[in-house]
Amino acid sequence: MELSYDGEKYTLLQTEDGKEYVDAYNYLVKYTGEPRGNSATFSEYTYYVLVNDSSLTWQDIENGMLSSQSGAWIDHRTVYSDLTYK
């Protein structure tokens, strides 16, 4: 995976099975916090995430990932994560 920034957009280039995939995002956002539930094995997180809407919260993204509703998923790409374990 290759990440580049041209001053306006972040571009991810991936090659899988000889085929190239390109995704572009407007923002790189840093999210920090604590997990929602007590069952998590970590106590704090830091995520750097590529998104197209800078007003999104990590909870918005997480809700989209966990939803069973079609179309609830929010386009994003986590490029770095750091977890503090209990």
Protein backbone atom coordinates (compact mmCIF):
# COMPACT_ATOMS: atom_id res chain seq x y z
CA MET A 1 0.00 0.00 0.00
CA GLU A 2 1.28 3.45 -0.88
CA LEU A 3 -0.10 6.66 0.63
CA SER A 4 0.52 10.04 -0.98
CA TYR A 5 -0.73 13.60 -0.47
CA ASP A 6 -0.76 16.21 -3.24
CA GLY A 7 -1.73 19.17 -1.05
CA GLU A 8 -5.43 18.58 -1.62
CA LYS A 9 -6.19 14.86 -1.43
CA TYR A 10 -4.75 11.75 0.17
CA THR A 11 -4.42 8.91 -2.30
CA LEU A 12 -4.02 5.23 -1.44
CA LEU A 13 -2.64 2.91 -4.07
CA GLN A 14 -2.95 -0.82 -3.46
CA THR A 15 -1.99 -3.74 -5.63
CA GLU A 16 -3.75 -7.04 -5.12
CA ASP A 17 -3.33 -10.04 -7.40
CA GLY A 18 -1.69 -7.81 -9.99
CA LYS A 19 -4.60 -5.36 -10.06
CA GLU A 20 -4.24 -1.75 -8.87
CA TYR A 21 -6.86 -0.07 -6.69
CA VAL A 22 -6.86 3.67 -6.02
CA ASP A 23 -8.89 5.42 -3.32
CA ALA A 24 -8.85 9.17 -2.59
CA TYR A 25 -9.81 10.93 0.64
CA ASN A 26 -10.07 14.59 1.62
CA TYR A 27 -8.95 14.43 5.26
CA LEU A 28 -6.61 12.62 7.63
CA VAL A 29 -8.22 12.76 11.07
CA LYS A 30 -6.81 11.73 14.45
CA TYR A 31 -9.24 10.04 16.85
CA THR A 32 -8.37 9.30 20.48
CA GLY A 33 -10.47 7.86 23.25
CA GLU A 34 -11.52 4.86 25.26
CA PRO A 35 -13.39 1.80 23.98
CA ARG A 36 -17.15 1.73 24.45
CA GLY A 37 -17.40 -1.57 26.30
CA ASN A 38 -15.65 -3.19 29.21
CA SER A 39 -14.86 -6.29 27.16
CA ALA A 40 -12.15 -4.56 25.10
CA THR A 41 -8.60 -5.73 25.75
CA PHE A 42 -7.29 -2.17 25.51
CA SER A 43 -8.00 0.92 27.61
CA GLU A 44 -7.23 3.74 25.12
CA TYR A 45 -6.89 4.14 21.37
CA THR A 46 -5.35 6.51 18.88
CA TYR A 47 -6.39 6.13 15.23
CA TYR A 48 -5.35 8.13 12.18
CA VAL A 49 -8.11 7.69 9.65
CA LEU A 50 -8.66 8.87 6.08
CA VAL A 51 -12.21 10.19 5.55
CA ASN A 52 -14.12 12.47 3.19
CA ASP A 53 -16.08 14.24 5.94
CA SER A 54 -14.02 15.89 8.68
CA SER A 55 -17.07 16.22 10.97
CA LEU A 56 -17.29 12.44 11.48
CA THR A 57 -16.57 11.07 14.93
CA TRP A 58 -14.98 7.70 15.59
CA GLN A 59 -18.34 6.63 17.03
CA ASP A 60 -20.00 7.48 13.68
CA ILE A 61 -17.49 5.30 11.84
CA GLU A 62 -17.76 2.50 14.39
CA ASN A 63 -21.57 2.59 14.22
CA GLY A 64 -21.37 2.23 10.45
CA MET A 65 -19.04 -0.77 10.74
CA LEU A 66 -21.28 -2.51 13.28
CA SER A 67 -24.63 -1.73 11.65
CA SER A 68 -26.64 -4.44 9.93
CA GLN A 69 -28.36 -1.83 7.76
CA SER A 70 -27.37 -1.70 4.13
CA GLY A 71 -25.59 1.53 3.28
CA ALA A 72 -24.68 2.41 6.88
CA TRP A 73 -20.98 1.76 6.33
CA ILE A 74 -18.93 4.98 6.09
CA ASP A 75 -16.07 5.06 3.61
CA HIS A 76 -12.84 5.38 5.60
CA ARG A 77 -9.39 3.87 5.88
CA THR A 78 -7.42 3.51 9.10
CA VAL A 79 -3.77 4.14 8.27
CA TYR A 80 -2.35 3.98 11.81
CA SER A 81 -3.56 2.69 15.15
CA ASP A 82 -1.98 2.68 18.60
CA LEU A 83 -3.70 0.83 21.44
CA THR A 84 -2.85 1.05 25.12
CA TYR A 85 -3.45 -2.36 26.64
CA LYS A 86 -4.85 -2.93 30.11
